[in-house]
Amino acid sequence: MNQKNIPYYAVIFTSTQTEKIKGYQEMAELMENLAKMQDGFLGVDSVRSEIGITVSYWTTLEAIKNWKQQSEHLLAQKKGRNKWYSWYNVRICKVEREYEFNGL
């Protein structure tokens, strides 16, 4: 993620999946595309192995609240709880400083 105006917020979604993942990847792509259209969305980083971690970045807590209540996102949350996830944890953090190294 390129540097954003500090401070901003990060939503850290950590999860483990069930074995029933049919339709998961398509929904994940849909949610990322939909999030990009939301006011206050700054970007997303995601990785999945045994544990998945997705971090989305937002300008305000209000933007995060609005995204959580977005109708298609509510449907995805329900499917996630009922079908795709055996466990998840959500953390919301305020980012007050950032830096990076790019050795290339």
N, C-alpha and C. Protein backbone atom coordinates (compact mmCIF):
# COMPACT_ATOMS: atom_id res chain seq x y z
N MET A 1 0.84 -1.18 0.00
CA MET A 1 0.00 0.00 0.00
C MET A 1 0.88 1.23 0.00
N ASN A 2 0.59 2.17 -0.86
CA ASN A 2 1.32 3.44 -0.86
C ASN A 2 0.95 4.24 0.37
N GLN A 3 1.87 5.10 0.78
CA GLN A 3 1.62 5.89 1.99
C GLN A 3 0.37 6.73 1.85
N LYS A 4 -0.43 6.74 2.89
CA LYS A 4 -1.68 7.49 2.94
C LYS A 4 -1.53 8.63 3.93
N ASN A 5 -2.51 9.51 3.96
CA ASN A 5 -2.50 10.57 4.96
C ASN A 5 -2.63 9.94 6.34
N ILE A 6 -1.72 10.26 7.20
CA ILE A 6 -1.69 9.74 8.56
C ILE A 6 -2.50 10.69 9.45
N PRO A 7 -3.29 10.25 10.39
CA PRO A 7 -3.59 8.84 10.66
C PRO A 7 -4.70 8.32 9.75
N TYR A 8 -4.77 7.00 9.67
CA TYR A 8 -5.86 6.30 9.01
C TYR A 8 -6.11 5.03 9.80
N TYR A 9 -7.05 4.22 9.36
CA TYR A 9 -7.44 3.03 10.12
C TYR A 9 -7.21 1.75 9.32
N ALA A 10 -6.88 0.70 10.02
CA ALA A 10 -6.70 -0.62 9.43
C ALA A 10 -7.66 -1.60 10.08
N VAL A 11 -8.36 -2.37 9.25
CA VAL A 11 -9.20 -3.46 9.74
C VAL A 11 -8.45 -4.75 9.41
N ILE A 12 -8.05 -5.47 10.44
CA ILE A 12 -7.28 -6.70 10.28
C ILE A 12 -8.23 -7.88 10.48
N PHE A 13 -8.46 -8.63 9.41
CA PHE A 13 -9.35 -9.79 9.44
C PHE A 13 -8.49 -11.04 9.32
N THR A 14 -8.43 -11.81 10.39
CA THR A 14 -7.64 -13.05 10.44
C THR A 14 -8.61 -14.21 10.52
N SER A 15 -8.37 -15.27 9.70
CA SER A 15 -9.36 -16.34 9.64
C SER A 15 -8.74 -17.69 9.30
N THR A 16 -9.48 -18.73 9.67
CA THR A 16 -9.22 -20.08 9.17
C THR A 16 -10.49 -20.54 8.45
N GLN A 17 -10.31 -21.30 7.40
CA GLN A 17 -11.44 -21.73 6.59
C GLN A 17 -11.86 -23.16 6.91
N THR A 18 -13.11 -23.44 6.57
CA THR A 18 -13.60 -24.81 6.58
C THR A 18 -13.13 -25.47 5.28
N GLU A 19 -13.52 -26.68 5.06
CA GLU A 19 -13.19 -27.35 3.80
C GLU A 19 -14.20 -27.01 2.71
N LYS A 20 -15.27 -26.31 3.05
CA LYS A 20 -16.32 -25.95 2.10
C LYS A 20 -16.05 -24.55 1.56
N ILE A 21 -15.15 -24.44 0.58
CA ILE A 21 -14.77 -23.12 0.11
C ILE A 21 -15.31 -22.80 -1.29
N LYS A 22 -16.19 -23.63 -1.81
CA LYS A 22 -16.76 -23.35 -3.13
C LYS A 22 -17.44 -21.98 -3.11
N GLY A 23 -17.08 -21.12 -4.06
CA GLY A 23 -17.65 -19.79 -4.17
C GLY A 23 -16.91 -18.74 -3.37
N TYR A 24 -15.97 -19.16 -2.53
CA TYR A 24 -15.26 -18.21 -1.66
C TYR A 24 -14.43 -17.21 -2.46
N GLN A 25 -13.62 -17.70 -3.39
CA GLN A 25 -12.73 -16.81 -4.13
C GLN A 25 -13.52 -15.77 -4.93
N GLU A 26 -14.61 -16.20 -5.53
CA GLU A 26 -15.44 -15.27 -6.29
C GLU A 26 -16.02 -14.19 -5.38
N MET A 27 -16.46 -14.59 -4.19
CA MET A 27 -17.02 -13.62 -3.25
C MET A 27 -15.93 -12.68 -2.75
N ALA A 28 -14.75 -13.19 -2.50
CA ALA A 28 -13.64 -12.34 -2.04
C ALA A 28 -13.31 -11.28 -3.09
N GLU A 29 -13.28 -11.67 -4.35
CA GLU A 29 -13.01 -10.71 -5.43
C GLU A 29 -14.14 -9.68 -5.53
N LEU A 30 -15.37 -10.13 -5.41
CA LEU A 30 -16.51 -9.21 -5.45
C LEU A 30 -16.43 -8.21 -4.31
N MET A 31 -16.11 -8.68 -3.10
CA MET A 31 -16.03 -7.79 -1.95
C MET A 31 -14.90 -6.77 -2.11
N GLU A 32 -13.76 -7.19 -2.65
CA GLU A 32 -12.67 -6.25 -2.86
C GLU A 32 -13.08 -5.18 -3.88
N ASN A 33 -13.71 -5.58 -4.96
CA ASN A 33 -14.15 -4.62 -5.96
C ASN A 33 -15.21 -3.67 -5.40
N LEU A 34 -16.11 -4.20 -4.59
CA LEU A 34 -17.15 -3.38 -3.97
C LEU A 34 -16.54 -2.41 -2.95
N ALA A 35 -15.57 -2.89 -2.16
CA ALA A 35 -14.92 -2.04 -1.16
C ALA A 35 -14.23 -0.86 -1.85
N LYS A 36 -13.63 -1.10 -3.01
CA LYS A 36 -12.95 -0.03 -3.74
C LYS A 36 -13.90 1.11 -4.12
N MET A 37 -15.18 0.85 -4.18
CA MET A 37 -16.16 1.87 -4.54
C MET A 37 -16.71 2.62 -3.33
N GLN A 38 -16.33 2.20 -2.12
CA GLN A 38 -16.86 2.81 -0.90
C GLN A 38 -16.10 4.07 -0.53
N ASP A 39 -16.83 5.08 -0.07
CA ASP A 39 -16.19 6.29 0.44
C ASP A 39 -15.27 5.92 1.59
N GLY A 40 -14.06 6.45 1.56
CA GLY A 40 -13.12 6.23 2.66
C GLY A 40 -12.21 5.03 2.50
N PHE A 41 -12.39 4.23 1.45
CA PHE A 41 -11.53 3.06 1.24
C PHE A 41 -10.19 3.53 0.69
N LEU A 42 -9.10 3.01 1.27
CA LEU A 42 -7.76 3.39 0.85
C LEU A 42 -6.99 2.27 0.16
N GLY A 43 -7.27 1.01 0.50
CA GLY A 43 -6.53 -0.10 -0.08
C GLY A 43 -6.71 -1.36 0.73
N VAL A 44 -6.09 -2.44 0.23
CA VAL A 44 -6.21 -3.74 0.89
C VAL A 44 -4.97 -4.57 0.62
N ASP A 45 -4.55 -5.34 1.60
CA ASP A 45 -3.49 -6.35 1.47
C ASP A 45 -4.07 -7.66 1.98
N SER A 46 -3.76 -8.76 1.29
CA SER A 46 -4.33 -10.04 1.70
C SER A 46 -3.38 -11.18 1.37
N VAL A 47 -3.37 -12.19 2.26
CA VAL A 47 -2.58 -13.40 2.05
C VAL A 47 -3.33 -14.56 2.71
N ARG A 48 -3.25 -15.72 2.09
CA ARG A 48 -3.91 -16.89 2.66
C ARG A 48 -2.99 -18.09 2.54
N SER A 49 -2.83 -18.79 3.65
CA SER A 49 -2.14 -20.07 3.70
C SER A 49 -3.00 -20.91 4.64
N GLU A 50 -2.44 -21.42 5.71
CA GLU A 50 -3.26 -22.11 6.71
C GLU A 50 -4.18 -21.10 7.41
N ILE A 51 -3.66 -19.91 7.60
CA ILE A 51 -4.43 -18.81 8.18
C ILE A 51 -4.46 -17.69 7.14
N GLY A 52 -5.61 -17.06 6.99
CA GLY A 52 -5.72 -15.93 6.07
C GLY A 52 -5.68 -14.63 6.85
N ILE A 53 -5.03 -13.64 6.26
CA ILE A 53 -5.00 -12.31 6.85
C ILE A 53 -5.30 -11.31 5.75
N THR A 54 -6.35 -10.53 5.97
CA THR A 54 -6.69 -9.45 5.06
C THR A 54 -6.73 -8.17 5.88
N VAL A 55 -6.01 -7.17 5.40
CA VAL A 55 -5.99 -5.87 6.06
C VAL A 55 -6.55 -4.85 5.07
N SER A 56 -7.64 -4.22 5.45
CA SER A 56 -8.18 -3.14 4.63
C SER A 56 -7.92 -1.82 5.35
N TYR A 57 -7.75 -0.76 4.55
CA TYR A 57 -7.36 0.54 5.08
C TYR A 57 -8.44 1.55 4.76
N TRP A 58 -8.76 2.39 5.76
CA TRP A 58 -9.89 3.31 5.67
C TRP A 58 -9.52 4.66 6.26
N THR A 59 -10.18 5.71 5.77
CA THR A 59 -9.90 7.07 6.24
C THR A 59 -10.45 7.33 7.63
N THR A 60 -11.61 6.74 7.96
CA THR A 60 -12.28 7.04 9.23
C THR A 60 -12.96 5.81 9.80
N LEU A 61 -13.28 5.88 11.07
CA LEU A 61 -14.08 4.81 11.69
C LEU A 61 -15.48 4.77 11.09
N GLU A 62 -16.00 5.92 10.72
CA GLU A 62 -17.33 5.99 10.10
C GLU A 62 -17.34 5.23 8.77
N ALA A 63 -16.28 5.34 7.98
CA ALA A 63 -16.18 4.61 6.71
C ALA A 63 -16.18 3.11 6.96
N ILE A 64 -15.49 2.67 8.02
CA ILE A 64 -15.47 1.25 8.38
C ILE A 64 -16.87 0.79 8.78
N LYS A 65 -17.54 1.57 9.59
CA LYS A 65 -18.91 1.24 10.03
C LYS A 65 -19.84 1.12 8.82
N ASN A 66 -19.74 2.06 7.88
CA ASN A 66 -20.58 2.01 6.68
C ASN A 66 -20.30 0.78 5.85
N TRP A 67 -19.03 0.40 5.71
CA TRP A 67 -18.67 -0.80 4.95
C TRP A 67 -19.24 -2.05 5.63
N LYS A 68 -19.14 -2.13 6.94
CA LYS A 68 -19.65 -3.29 7.66
C LYS A 68 -21.15 -3.46 7.44
N GLN A 69 -21.88 -2.35 7.27
CA GLN A 69 -23.34 -2.40 7.10
C GLN A 69 -23.78 -2.42 5.63
N GLN A 70 -22.86 -2.43 4.68
CA GLN A 70 -23.21 -2.44 3.27
C GLN A 70 -23.94 -3.75 2.96
N SER A 71 -25.04 -3.70 2.21
CA SER A 71 -25.94 -4.85 2.07
C SER A 71 -25.26 -6.09 1.47
N GLU A 72 -24.48 -5.94 0.42
CA GLU A 72 -23.83 -7.11 -0.16
C GLU A 72 -22.74 -7.64 0.76
N HIS A 73 -22.10 -6.75 1.50
CA HIS A 73 -21.09 -7.18 2.47
C HIS A 73 -21.75 -7.95 3.62
N LEU A 74 -22.95 -7.52 4.03
CA LEU A 74 -23.69 -8.26 5.07
C LEU A 74 -23.97 -9.69 4.61
N LEU A 75 -24.35 -9.86 3.35
CA LEU A 75 -24.60 -11.19 2.80
C LEU A 75 -23.32 -12.03 2.82
N ALA A 76 -22.20 -11.43 2.42
CA ALA A 76 -20.92 -12.14 2.42
C ALA A 76 -20.53 -12.55 3.85
N GLN A 77 -20.77 -11.66 4.82
CA GLN A 77 -20.47 -11.98 6.22
C GLN A 77 -21.27 -13.20 6.68
N LYS A 78 -22.55 -13.23 6.32
CA LYS A 78 -23.41 -14.34 6.71
C LYS A 78 -22.93 -15.65 6.09
N LYS A 79 -22.60 -15.62 4.79
CA LYS A 79 -22.08 -16.82 4.13
C LYS A 79 -20.77 -17.26 4.77
N GLY A 80 -19.93 -16.30 5.12
CA GLY A 80 -18.66 -16.63 5.76
C GLY A 80 -18.87 -17.37 7.07
N ARG A 81 -19.77 -16.87 7.90
CA ARG A 81 -20.03 -17.53 9.20
C ARG A 81 -20.68 -18.91 9.01
N ASN A 82 -21.59 -19.02 8.05
CA ASN A 82 -22.34 -20.27 7.87
C ASN A 82 -21.61 -21.32 7.04
N LYS A 83 -20.62 -20.91 6.24
CA LYS A 83 -20.06 -21.84 5.28
C LYS A 83 -18.53 -21.86 5.23
N TRP A 84 -17.89 -20.71 5.08
CA TRP A 84 -16.47 -20.68 4.72
C TRP A 84 -15.50 -20.62 5.87
N TYR A 85 -15.88 -20.06 7.00
CA TYR A 85 -14.92 -19.86 8.09
C TYR A 85 -15.22 -20.77 9.27
N SER A 86 -14.14 -21.36 9.82
CA SER A 86 -14.28 -22.09 11.07
C SER A 86 -13.94 -21.18 12.25
N TRP A 87 -13.23 -20.08 11.96
CA TRP A 87 -12.85 -19.10 12.99
C TRP A 87 -12.44 -17.81 12.30
N TYR A 88 -12.73 -16.69 12.93
CA TYR A 88 -12.15 -15.42 12.49
C TYR A 88 -12.07 -14.43 13.63
N ASN A 89 -11.22 -13.44 13.43
CA ASN A 89 -11.01 -12.38 14.40
C ASN A 89 -10.88 -11.08 13.62
N VAL A 90 -11.49 -10.01 14.14
CA VAL A 90 -11.41 -8.70 13.50
C VAL A 90 -10.80 -7.72 14.50
N ARG A 91 -9.80 -6.99 14.05
CA ARG A 91 -9.18 -5.95 14.86
C ARG A 91 -9.23 -4.65 14.07
N ILE A 92 -9.55 -3.55 14.73
CA ILE A 92 -9.57 -2.25 14.10
C ILE A 92 -8.53 -1.40 14.80
N CYS A 93 -7.60 -0.88 14.03
CA CYS A 93 -6.46 -0.16 14.59
C CYS A 93 -6.29 1.20 13.93
N LYS A 94 -5.81 2.14 14.69
CA LYS A 94 -5.47 3.45 14.16
C LYS A 94 -3.99 3.44 13.79
N VAL A 95 -3.67 3.78 12.55
CA VAL A 95 -2.29 3.83 12.08
C VAL A 95 -1.80 5.27 12.24
N GLU A 96 -0.80 5.43 13.07
CA GLU A 96 -0.27 6.76 13.33
C GLU A 96 1.08 7.00 12.68
N ARG A 97 1.71 5.93 12.23
CA ARG A 97 3.01 6.05 11.59
C ARG A 97 3.20 4.85 10.68
N GLU A 98 3.91 5.05 9.58
CA GLU A 98 4.27 3.93 8.72
C GLU A 98 5.56 4.23 8.00
N TYR A 99 6.24 3.18 7.63
CA TYR A 99 7.44 3.30 6.81
C TYR A 99 7.63 2.00 6.08
N GLU A 100 8.46 2.01 5.03
CA GLU A 100 8.69 0.78 4.28
C GLU A 100 10.11 0.76 3.76
N PHE A 101 10.54 -0.40 3.36
CA PHE A 101 11.83 -0.62 2.72
C PHE A 101 11.57 -1.24 1.36
N ASN A 102 12.20 -0.74 0.35
CA ASN A 102 12.11 -1.31 -0.99
C ASN A 102 13.54 -1.42 -1.49
N GLY A 103 14.11 -2.61 -1.36
CA GLY A 103 15.51 -2.83 -1.67
C GLY A 103 15.83 -2.89 -3.15
N LEU A 104 14.86 -2.68 -4.01
CA LEU A 104 15.13 -2.74 -5.46
C LEU A 104 15.54 -1.41 -6.02
